[in-house]
Amino acid sequence: MVLYVAAAPRGVWALPCATLESGRPVVGVVNVAPADLFHGRLATRIAAHEIAHALGFAYGNMVAGRMVRNVTGVRGRKLSVVVGSTNAAMAAREHYDCDDIQGMELNDFNGDGTALESHWSKRNAKDELMAPLGGAGYYTELTLAAFADLGYYKANWAMAEPRGWGQAVGV
């Protein structure tokens, strides 16, 4: 992959720019506003988070890969959108110790399935790498599973970092 790094004055963001026919990103861009630059572990985790977006952790890629499912009745909600592909659903079931869970919930600004973003739900994955920024940024089996399910990456499961948030709560 070719990764361009920009320093536009506003925001920290990333996205894939060009893909192969398989959908695999081959060119991506990451922007880090100079005012947002800092050092340390959190900066490294933020960089990893943004690179993951450039590598394809994006709602559109998940839809294209048929990884996304609409689920009704989660916590009484009319609609929740989950990544319910094979590995992602299995990782969610194992982490939360809940056989009924249909996948890993995506963050939804409106709470009605209409304002989705390319992050795990902060409620369910507070300290995970692909939760909205601000957490510990652990690279767990949940994100590894999503990359494996995209179909063009192979996960090294031994590299998954442990994550306590939500462990065995039986969602």
N, C-alpha and C. Protein backbone atom coordinates (compact mmCIF):
# COMPACT_ATOMS: atom_id res chain seq x y z
N MET A 1 0.83 -1.18 0.00
CA MET A 1 0.00 0.00 0.00
C MET A 1 0.88 1.24 0.00
N VAL A 2 0.43 2.24 -0.73
CA VAL A 2 1.04 3.56 -0.69
C VAL A 2 0.18 4.39 0.26
N LEU A 3 0.80 4.99 1.25
CA LEU A 3 0.08 5.78 2.23
C LEU A 3 0.60 7.21 2.20
N TYR A 4 -0.26 8.14 1.86
CA TYR A 4 0.09 9.55 1.87
C TYR A 4 -0.28 10.12 3.22
N VAL A 5 0.59 10.96 3.76
CA VAL A 5 0.32 11.61 5.03
C VAL A 5 0.27 13.11 4.77
N ALA A 6 -0.83 13.71 5.16
CA ALA A 6 -1.04 15.14 4.95
C ALA A 6 -1.04 15.87 6.29
N ALA A 7 -0.90 17.18 6.21
CA ALA A 7 -0.93 18.01 7.41
C ALA A 7 -1.85 19.21 7.17
N ALA A 8 -3.05 18.94 6.69
CA ALA A 8 -4.04 20.01 6.52
C ALA A 8 -4.35 20.59 7.90
N PRO A 9 -4.76 21.84 7.97
CA PRO A 9 -4.87 22.50 9.27
C PRO A 9 -5.95 21.99 10.21
N ARG A 10 -6.89 21.19 9.73
CA ARG A 10 -7.99 20.77 10.61
C ARG A 10 -8.19 19.27 10.58
N GLY A 11 -8.26 18.68 11.76
CA GLY A 11 -8.71 17.31 11.89
C GLY A 11 -7.68 16.21 11.76
N VAL A 12 -8.07 15.07 12.30
CA VAL A 12 -7.33 13.82 12.17
C VAL A 12 -8.29 12.86 11.51
N TRP A 13 -7.93 12.36 10.33
CA TRP A 13 -8.81 11.47 9.58
C TRP A 13 -7.99 10.65 8.58
N ALA A 14 -8.61 9.63 8.04
CA ALA A 14 -7.96 8.80 7.03
C ALA A 14 -9.00 8.09 6.20
N LEU A 15 -8.61 7.71 5.00
CA LEU A 15 -9.49 6.94 4.13
C LEU A 15 -8.70 6.29 3.01
N PRO A 16 -9.25 5.20 2.46
CA PRO A 16 -8.62 4.60 1.29
C PRO A 16 -8.94 5.47 0.07
N CYS A 17 -7.99 5.57 -0.85
CA CYS A 17 -8.17 6.42 -2.04
C CYS A 17 -8.31 5.61 -3.33
N ALA A 18 -7.67 4.47 -3.39
CA ALA A 18 -7.73 3.63 -4.58
C ALA A 18 -7.71 2.17 -4.15
N THR A 19 -8.46 1.34 -4.87
CA THR A 19 -8.56 -0.07 -4.52
C THR A 19 -8.35 -0.95 -5.73
N LEU A 20 -8.02 -2.20 -5.46
CA LEU A 20 -7.99 -3.21 -6.51
C LEU A 20 -9.42 -3.65 -6.79
N GLU A 21 -9.61 -4.48 -7.81
CA GLU A 21 -10.95 -4.98 -8.12
C GLU A 21 -11.55 -5.75 -6.95
N SER A 22 -10.71 -6.35 -6.13
CA SER A 22 -11.17 -7.10 -4.96
C SER A 22 -11.72 -6.18 -3.87
N GLY A 23 -11.44 -4.89 -3.98
CA GLY A 23 -11.83 -3.94 -2.96
C GLY A 23 -10.70 -3.59 -2.01
N ARG A 24 -9.60 -4.32 -2.10
CA ARG A 24 -8.47 -4.07 -1.20
C ARG A 24 -7.84 -2.71 -1.50
N PRO A 25 -7.73 -1.86 -0.49
CA PRO A 25 -7.10 -0.56 -0.70
C PRO A 25 -5.61 -0.70 -1.03
N VAL A 26 -5.18 0.08 -2.00
CA VAL A 26 -3.76 0.09 -2.37
C VAL A 26 -3.16 1.48 -2.21
N VAL A 27 -4.01 2.48 -2.08
CA VAL A 27 -3.56 3.85 -1.82
C VAL A 27 -4.48 4.42 -0.74
N GLY A 28 -3.88 5.06 0.24
CA GLY A 28 -4.66 5.68 1.30
C GLY A 28 -4.05 7.01 1.70
N VAL A 29 -4.82 7.79 2.44
CA VAL A 29 -4.34 9.07 2.94
C VAL A 29 -4.70 9.19 4.42
N VAL A 30 -3.77 9.75 5.18
CA VAL A 30 -3.98 10.06 6.59
C VAL A 30 -3.68 11.54 6.76
N ASN A 31 -4.56 12.25 7.43
CA ASN A 31 -4.30 13.65 7.74
C ASN A 31 -4.17 13.81 9.25
N VAL A 32 -3.15 14.55 9.65
CA VAL A 32 -2.97 14.92 11.05
C VAL A 32 -2.68 16.42 11.06
N ALA A 33 -3.60 17.18 11.60
CA ALA A 33 -3.40 18.63 11.68
C ALA A 33 -2.21 18.92 12.59
N PRO A 34 -1.32 19.81 12.19
CA PRO A 34 -0.14 20.11 13.02
C PRO A 34 -0.49 20.49 14.45
N ALA A 35 -1.61 21.17 14.65
CA ALA A 35 -2.01 21.55 16.01
C ALA A 35 -2.37 20.33 16.86
N ASP A 36 -2.68 19.20 16.21
CA ASP A 36 -3.07 17.99 16.93
C ASP A 36 -1.91 17.04 17.18
N LEU A 37 -0.71 17.40 16.74
CA LEU A 37 0.44 16.51 16.91
C LEU A 37 0.92 16.51 18.36
N PHE A 38 1.20 15.32 18.86
CA PHE A 38 1.79 15.16 20.18
C PHE A 38 2.50 13.83 20.19
N HIS A 39 3.21 13.53 21.26
CA HIS A 39 4.01 12.31 21.34
C HIS A 39 3.45 11.36 22.39
N GLY A 40 3.92 10.13 22.33
CA GLY A 40 3.56 9.17 23.36
C GLY A 40 2.68 8.05 22.84
N ARG A 41 2.27 7.20 23.78
CA ARG A 41 1.50 6.01 23.45
C ARG A 41 0.18 6.35 22.77
N LEU A 42 -0.54 7.35 23.25
CA LEU A 42 -1.81 7.71 22.66
C LEU A 42 -1.64 8.16 21.20
N ALA A 43 -0.58 8.91 20.93
CA ALA A 43 -0.31 9.34 19.55
C ALA A 43 -0.08 8.14 18.65
N THR A 44 0.62 7.14 19.15
CA THR A 44 0.87 5.92 18.38
C THR A 44 -0.44 5.19 18.11
N ARG A 45 -1.31 5.11 19.11
CA ARG A 45 -2.60 4.44 18.94
C ARG A 45 -3.50 5.20 17.97
N ILE A 46 -3.48 6.52 18.03
CA ILE A 46 -4.28 7.31 17.09
C ILE A 46 -3.78 7.08 15.67
N ALA A 47 -2.46 7.05 15.49
CA ALA A 47 -1.90 6.78 14.16
C ALA A 47 -2.33 5.40 13.67
N ALA A 48 -2.29 4.40 14.54
CA ALA A 48 -2.71 3.04 14.16
C ALA A 48 -4.19 3.03 13.79
N HIS A 49 -5.01 3.75 14.54
CA HIS A 49 -6.45 3.85 14.27
C HIS A 49 -6.68 4.43 12.87
N GLU A 50 -6.00 5.52 12.56
CA GLU A 50 -6.19 6.16 11.26
C GLU A 50 -5.65 5.30 10.12
N ILE A 51 -4.53 4.64 10.33
CA ILE A 51 -4.00 3.74 9.30
C ILE A 51 -4.98 2.60 9.05
N ALA A 52 -5.64 2.12 10.10
CA ALA A 52 -6.65 1.07 9.92
C ALA A 52 -7.78 1.54 9.00
N HIS A 53 -8.19 2.80 9.14
CA HIS A 53 -9.20 3.34 8.21
C HIS A 53 -8.66 3.34 6.78
N ALA A 54 -7.42 3.77 6.60
CA ALA A 54 -6.84 3.79 5.25
C ALA A 54 -6.72 2.38 4.68
N LEU A 55 -6.51 1.39 5.54
CA LEU A 55 -6.42 -0.01 5.10
C LEU A 55 -7.78 -0.61 4.77
N GLY A 56 -8.85 0.11 5.09
CA GLY A 56 -10.17 -0.38 4.69
C GLY A 56 -11.18 -0.57 5.79
N PHE A 57 -10.84 -0.24 7.04
CA PHE A 57 -11.84 -0.33 8.11
C PHE A 57 -12.79 0.84 7.91
N ALA A 58 -13.75 0.62 7.04
CA ALA A 58 -14.68 1.69 6.65
C ALA A 58 -16.05 1.07 6.39
N TYR A 59 -17.09 1.76 6.79
CA TYR A 59 -18.45 1.28 6.63
C TYR A 59 -18.73 0.85 5.19
N GLY A 60 -18.33 1.66 4.23
CA GLY A 60 -18.57 1.33 2.82
C GLY A 60 -17.91 0.03 2.41
N ASN A 61 -16.71 -0.22 2.88
CA ASN A 61 -16.02 -1.49 2.56
C ASN A 61 -16.75 -2.66 3.21
N MET A 62 -17.25 -2.45 4.41
CA MET A 62 -17.97 -3.53 5.10
C MET A 62 -19.29 -3.84 4.40
N VAL A 63 -19.97 -2.81 3.91
CA VAL A 63 -21.20 -3.03 3.14
C VAL A 63 -20.87 -3.78 1.86
N ALA A 64 -19.83 -3.33 1.15
CA ALA A 64 -19.43 -3.97 -0.10
C ALA A 64 -19.05 -5.43 0.13
N GLY A 65 -18.46 -5.73 1.29
CA GLY A 65 -18.07 -7.09 1.62
C GLY A 65 -19.19 -7.90 2.24
N ARG A 66 -20.39 -7.36 2.27
CA ARG A 66 -21.57 -8.03 2.84
C ARG A 66 -21.36 -8.46 4.28
N MET A 67 -20.69 -7.60 5.03
CA MET A 67 -20.39 -7.87 6.43
C MET A 67 -21.42 -7.26 7.38
N VAL A 68 -22.23 -6.33 6.88
CA VAL A 68 -23.12 -5.54 7.72
C VAL A 68 -24.52 -6.14 7.75
N ARG A 69 -25.12 -6.15 8.93
CA ARG A 69 -26.47 -6.68 9.12
C ARG A 69 -27.31 -5.65 9.88
N ASN A 70 -28.57 -5.55 9.52
CA ASN A 70 -29.53 -4.75 10.28
C ASN A 70 -30.21 -5.66 11.29
N VAL A 71 -30.21 -5.25 12.55
CA VAL A 71 -30.76 -6.07 13.63
C VAL A 71 -31.79 -5.22 14.38
N THR A 72 -32.93 -5.81 14.66
CA THR A 72 -33.97 -5.09 15.41
C THR A 72 -34.03 -5.59 16.85
N GLY A 73 -34.49 -4.72 17.73
CA GLY A 73 -34.74 -5.11 19.11
C GLY A 73 -33.55 -5.11 20.03
N VAL A 74 -32.39 -4.62 19.62
CA VAL A 74 -31.23 -4.57 20.50
C VAL A 74 -31.46 -3.46 21.52
N ARG A 75 -31.50 -3.82 22.80
CA ARG A 75 -31.76 -2.86 23.88
C ARG A 75 -33.02 -2.03 23.61
N GLY A 76 -34.02 -2.65 22.96
CA GLY A 76 -35.28 -1.98 22.69
C GLY A 76 -35.26 -1.02 21.51
N ARG A 77 -34.14 -0.97 20.80
CA ARG A 77 -34.04 -0.05 19.67
C ARG A 77 -34.71 -0.63 18.44
N LYS A 78 -35.23 0.25 17.62
CA LYS A 78 -35.89 -0.15 16.39
C LYS A 78 -34.90 -0.80 15.42
N LEU A 79 -33.70 -0.22 15.32
CA LEU A 79 -32.71 -0.74 14.38
C LEU A 79 -31.31 -0.52 14.91
N SER A 80 -30.49 -1.55 14.86
CA SER A 80 -29.06 -1.46 15.14
C SER A 80 -28.34 -2.06 13.95
N VAL A 81 -27.19 -1.52 13.64
CA VAL A 81 -26.40 -2.04 12.52
C VAL A 81 -25.14 -2.67 13.11
N VAL A 82 -24.91 -3.92 12.74
CA VAL A 82 -23.78 -4.67 13.28
C VAL A 82 -22.93 -5.22 12.15
N VAL A 83 -21.66 -5.44 12.47
CA VAL A 83 -20.79 -6.21 11.58
C VAL A 83 -21.01 -7.65 12.00
N GLY A 84 -21.78 -8.37 11.18
CA GLY A 84 -22.19 -9.72 11.53
C GLY A 84 -21.54 -10.79 10.68
N SER A 85 -20.41 -10.47 10.08
CA SER A 85 -19.69 -11.46 9.29
C SER A 85 -19.13 -12.54 10.20
N THR A 86 -18.69 -13.63 9.62
CA THR A 86 -18.32 -14.83 10.37
C THR A 86 -17.38 -14.57 11.54
N ASN A 87 -16.19 -14.04 11.26
CA ASN A 87 -15.20 -13.85 12.32
C ASN A 87 -15.61 -12.77 13.31
N ALA A 88 -16.21 -11.68 12.80
CA ALA A 88 -16.60 -10.58 13.69
C ALA A 88 -17.69 -11.03 14.66
N ALA A 89 -18.68 -11.75 14.17
CA ALA A 89 -19.76 -12.24 15.04
C ALA A 89 -19.20 -13.22 16.07
N MET A 90 -18.31 -14.10 15.64
CA MET A 90 -17.73 -15.07 16.56
C MET A 90 -16.89 -14.36 17.63
N ALA A 91 -16.10 -13.36 17.23
CA ALA A 91 -15.28 -12.63 18.20
C ALA A 91 -16.16 -11.90 19.21
N ALA A 92 -17.26 -11.32 18.75
CA ALA A 92 -18.18 -10.63 19.66
C ALA A 92 -18.82 -11.62 20.63
N ARG A 93 -19.27 -12.76 20.11
CA ARG A 93 -19.89 -13.78 20.98
C ARG A 93 -18.92 -14.24 22.06
N GLU A 94 -17.68 -14.48 21.65
CA GLU A 94 -16.68 -14.96 22.61
C GLU A 94 -16.33 -13.88 23.63
N HIS A 95 -16.11 -12.66 23.17
CA HIS A 95 -15.71 -11.60 24.09
C HIS A 95 -16.80 -11.31 25.12
N TYR A 96 -18.03 -11.17 24.66
CA TYR A 96 -19.12 -10.81 25.56
C TYR A 96 -19.77 -12.02 26.22
N ASP A 97 -19.37 -13.24 25.83
CA ASP A 97 -19.95 -14.48 26.34
C ASP A 97 -21.47 -14.46 26.17
N CYS A 98 -21.87 -14.23 24.92
CA CYS A 98 -23.29 -14.11 24.60
C CYS A 98 -23.56 -14.81 23.27
N ASP A 99 -24.20 -15.96 23.33
CA ASP A 99 -24.46 -16.74 22.12
C ASP A 99 -25.49 -16.08 21.21
N ASP A 100 -26.30 -15.17 21.73
CA ASP A 100 -27.37 -14.55 20.94
C ASP A 100 -26.92 -13.34 20.13
N ILE A 101 -25.74 -12.80 20.44
CA ILE A 101 -25.29 -11.59 19.76
C ILE A 101 -25.07 -11.89 18.27
N GLN A 102 -25.54 -11.01 17.42
CA GLN A 102 -25.47 -11.25 15.97
C GLN A 102 -24.27 -10.59 15.31
N GLY A 103 -23.52 -9.81 16.06
CA GLY A 103 -22.34 -9.16 15.50
C GLY A 103 -21.90 -8.02 16.39
N MET A 104 -20.93 -7.29 15.92
CA MET A 104 -20.38 -6.16 16.66
C MET A 104 -21.04 -4.88 16.17
N GLU A 105 -21.63 -4.16 17.10
CA GLU A 105 -22.41 -2.97 16.77
C GLU A 105 -21.52 -1.82 16.29
N LEU A 106 -21.98 -1.14 15.24
CA LEU A 106 -21.29 0.05 14.75
C LEU A 106 -21.82 1.29 15.46
N ASN A 107 -20.97 2.30 15.56
CA ASN A 107 -21.38 3.55 16.19
C ASN A 107 -22.42 4.25 15.32
N ASP A 108 -23.44 4.77 15.95
CA ASP A 108 -24.57 5.39 15.25
C ASP A 108 -24.94 6.67 15.99
N PHE A 109 -24.64 7.82 15.38
CA PHE A 109 -24.89 9.11 16.03
C PHE A 109 -26.34 9.30 16.44
N ASN A 110 -27.28 8.91 15.60
CA ASN A 110 -28.70 9.16 15.89
C ASN A 110 -29.36 8.04 16.69
N GLY A 111 -28.72 6.88 16.74
CA GLY A 111 -29.29 5.76 17.47
C GLY A 111 -30.43 5.06 16.76
N ASP A 112 -30.59 5.35 15.46
CA ASP A 112 -31.69 4.73 14.71
C ASP A 112 -31.23 4.08 13.40
N GLY A 113 -29.93 3.87 13.27
CA GLY A 113 -29.40 3.22 12.07
C GLY A 113 -29.24 4.14 10.88
N THR A 114 -29.38 5.46 11.08
CA THR A 114 -29.30 6.39 9.95
C THR A 114 -28.03 7.21 9.91
N ALA A 115 -27.25 7.23 10.96
CA ALA A 115 -26.04 8.05 11.01
C ALA A 115 -24.86 7.19 11.46
N LEU A 116 -24.52 6.23 10.63
CA LEU A 116 -23.47 5.27 10.98
C LEU A 116 -22.10 5.85 10.67
N GLU A 117 -21.12 5.36 11.40
CA GLU A 117 -19.76 5.75 11.12
C GLU A 117 -18.88 4.51 11.13
N SER A 118 -17.67 4.67 10.70
CA SER A 118 -16.74 3.55 10.56
C SER A 118 -15.98 3.30 11.86
N HIS A 119 -16.74 3.10 12.93
CA HIS A 119 -16.17 2.79 14.24
C HIS A 119 -17.08 1.80 14.95
N TRP A 120 -16.48 1.02 15.85
CA TRP A 120 -17.29 0.20 16.74
C TRP A 120 -18.07 1.12 17.66
N SER A 121 -19.19 0.65 18.15
CA SER A 121 -19.98 1.41 19.12
C SER A 121 -19.15 1.64 20.38
N LYS A 122 -19.04 2.90 20.77
CA LYS A 122 -18.25 3.21 21.97
C LYS A 122 -18.85 2.55 23.21
N ARG A 123 -20.15 2.38 23.24
CA ARG A 123 -20.81 1.72 24.37
C ARG A 123 -20.29 0.29 24.54
N ASN A 124 -20.05 -0.39 23.43
CA ASN A 124 -19.65 -1.79 23.47
C ASN A 124 -18.15 -2.01 23.36
N ALA A 125 -17.43 -1.03 22.87
CA ALA A 125 -16.00 -1.23 22.61
C ALA A 125 -15.19 -0.02 23.04
N LYS A 126 -15.45 0.48 24.22
CA LYS A 126 -14.86 1.73 24.70
C LYS A 126 -13.35 1.83 24.50
N ASP A 127 -12.62 0.79 24.79
CA ASP A 127 -11.16 0.88 24.74
C ASP A 127 -10.54 0.15 23.55
N GLU A 128 -11.32 -0.15 22.55
CA GLU A 128 -10.86 -0.87 21.37
C GLU A 128 -10.26 0.11 20.36
N LEU A 129 -9.31 -0.36 19.56
CA LEU A 129 -8.62 0.49 18.58
C LEU A 129 -9.59 1.21 17.66
N MET A 130 -10.65 0.53 17.21
CA MET A 130 -11.54 1.13 16.23
C MET A 130 -12.83 1.70 16.84
N ALA A 131 -12.83 1.92 18.14
CA ALA A 131 -13.89 2.72 18.76
C ALA A 131 -13.61 4.18 18.40
N PRO A 132 -14.60 5.05 18.54
CA PRO A 132 -14.31 6.47 18.31
C PRO A 132 -13.13 6.88 19.20
N LEU A 133 -12.34 7.81 18.74
CA LEU A 133 -11.11 8.19 19.44
C LEU A 133 -11.36 8.58 20.89
N GLY A 134 -10.35 8.32 21.70
CA GLY A 134 -10.42 8.71 23.09
C GLY A 134 -10.18 7.58 24.06
N GLY A 135 -10.21 6.34 23.58
CA GLY A 135 -10.00 5.19 24.45
C GLY A 135 -8.55 4.76 24.47
N ALA A 136 -8.33 3.57 25.01
CA ALA A 136 -6.98 3.04 25.13
C ALA A 136 -6.42 2.57 23.79
N GLY A 137 -7.30 2.20 22.87
CA GLY A 137 -6.86 1.81 21.55
C GLY A 137 -6.25 0.42 21.45
N TYR A 138 -6.79 -0.54 22.18
CA TYR A 138 -6.27 -1.90 22.10
C TYR A 138 -6.63 -2.54 20.77
N TYR A 139 -5.65 -3.20 20.18
CA TYR A 139 -5.83 -3.89 18.90
C TYR A 139 -6.31 -5.30 19.22
N THR A 140 -7.62 -5.50 19.27
CA THR A 140 -8.19 -6.74 19.79
C THR A 140 -8.67 -7.67 18.68
N GLU A 141 -9.18 -8.81 19.14
CA GLU A 141 -9.71 -9.81 18.21
C GLU A 141 -10.89 -9.25 17.41
N LEU A 142 -11.57 -8.24 17.91
CA LEU A 142 -12.72 -7.67 17.19
C LEU A 142 -12.28 -6.99 15.90
N THR A 143 -11.25 -6.16 15.99
CA THR A 143 -10.76 -5.49 14.78
C THR A 143 -10.02 -6.48 13.88
N LEU A 144 -9.26 -7.39 14.46
CA LEU A 144 -8.62 -8.42 13.65
C LEU A 144 -9.67 -9.20 12.86
N ALA A 145 -10.78 -9.52 13.51
CA ALA A 145 -11.85 -10.27 12.85
C ALA A 145 -12.44 -9.49 11.69
N ALA A 146 -12.66 -8.20 11.88
CA ALA A 146 -13.21 -7.38 10.79
C ALA A 146 -12.26 -7.36 9.61
N PHE A 147 -10.97 -7.20 9.86
CA PHE A 147 -10.00 -7.21 8.76
C PHE A 147 -9.98 -8.57 8.07
N ALA A 148 -10.03 -9.65 8.84
CA ALA A 148 -10.06 -10.99 8.23
C ALA A 148 -11.30 -11.16 7.36
N ASP A 149 -12.44 -10.65 7.82
CA ASP A 149 -13.69 -10.80 7.07
C ASP A 149 -13.75 -9.93 5.83
N LEU A 150 -12.93 -8.89 5.75
CA LEU A 150 -12.88 -8.10 4.52
C LEU A 150 -12.46 -8.97 3.34
N GLY A 151 -11.69 -10.02 3.64
CA GLY A 151 -11.35 -10.98 2.60
C GLY A 151 -10.01 -10.77 1.93
N TYR A 152 -9.32 -9.70 2.23
CA TYR A 152 -8.02 -9.49 1.61
C TYR A 152 -6.90 -9.30 2.61
N TYR A 153 -7.17 -9.59 3.86
CA TYR A 153 -6.13 -9.60 4.89
C TYR A 153 -6.22 -10.91 5.66
N LYS A 154 -5.09 -11.34 6.20
CA LYS A 154 -5.05 -12.52 7.04
C LYS A 154 -4.67 -12.06 8.45
N ALA A 155 -5.49 -12.38 9.40
CA ALA A 155 -5.25 -11.94 10.78
C ALA A 155 -4.20 -12.80 11.46
N ASN A 156 -3.33 -12.17 12.22
CA ASN A 156 -2.40 -12.86 13.09
C ASN A 156 -3.03 -12.80 14.49
N TRP A 157 -3.85 -13.79 14.79
CA TRP A 157 -4.65 -13.79 16.02
C TRP A 157 -3.79 -13.72 17.27
N ALA A 158 -2.55 -14.18 17.20
CA ALA A 158 -1.66 -14.15 18.36
C ALA A 158 -1.30 -12.72 18.77
N MET A 159 -1.51 -11.76 17.87
CA MET A 159 -1.17 -10.37 18.16
C MET A 159 -2.32 -9.59 18.82
N ALA A 160 -3.47 -10.22 18.99
CA ALA A 160 -4.60 -9.53 19.61
C ALA A 160 -4.26 -9.15 21.05
N GLU A 161 -4.59 -7.92 21.41
CA GLU A 161 -4.36 -7.45 22.77
C GLU A 161 -5.61 -7.71 23.61
N PRO A 162 -5.43 -8.09 24.87
CA PRO A 162 -6.59 -8.33 25.72
C PRO A 162 -7.33 -7.02 26.01
N ARG A 163 -8.63 -7.14 26.23
CA ARG A 163 -9.46 -5.97 26.48
C ARG A 163 -10.48 -6.34 27.54
N GLY A 164 -10.54 -5.59 28.60
CA GLY A 164 -11.44 -5.91 29.69
C GLY A 164 -12.85 -5.38 29.52
N TRP A 165 -13.03 -4.27 28.83
CA TRP A 165 -14.34 -3.63 28.72
C TRP A 165 -15.36 -4.59 28.12
N GLY A 166 -16.39 -4.91 28.86
CA GLY A 166 -17.45 -5.77 28.37
C GLY A 166 -17.16 -7.26 28.43
N GLN A 167 -16.00 -7.64 28.91
CA GLN A 167 -15.61 -9.05 28.94
C GLN A 167 -16.63 -9.88 29.70
N ALA A 168 -17.22 -10.87 29.01
CA ALA A 168 -18.14 -11.86 29.59
C ALA A 168 -19.35 -11.25 30.30
N VAL A 169 -19.84 -10.11 29.80
CA VAL A 169 -21.00 -9.49 30.43
C VAL A 169 -22.32 -10.08 29.95
N GLY A 170 -22.26 -10.90 28.91
CA GLY A 170 -23.47 -11.55 28.42
C GLY A 170 -24.46 -10.59 27.79
N VAL A 171 -23.96 -9.53 27.19
CA VAL A 171 -24.78 -8.47 26.58
C VAL A 171 -26.15 -8.92 26.41
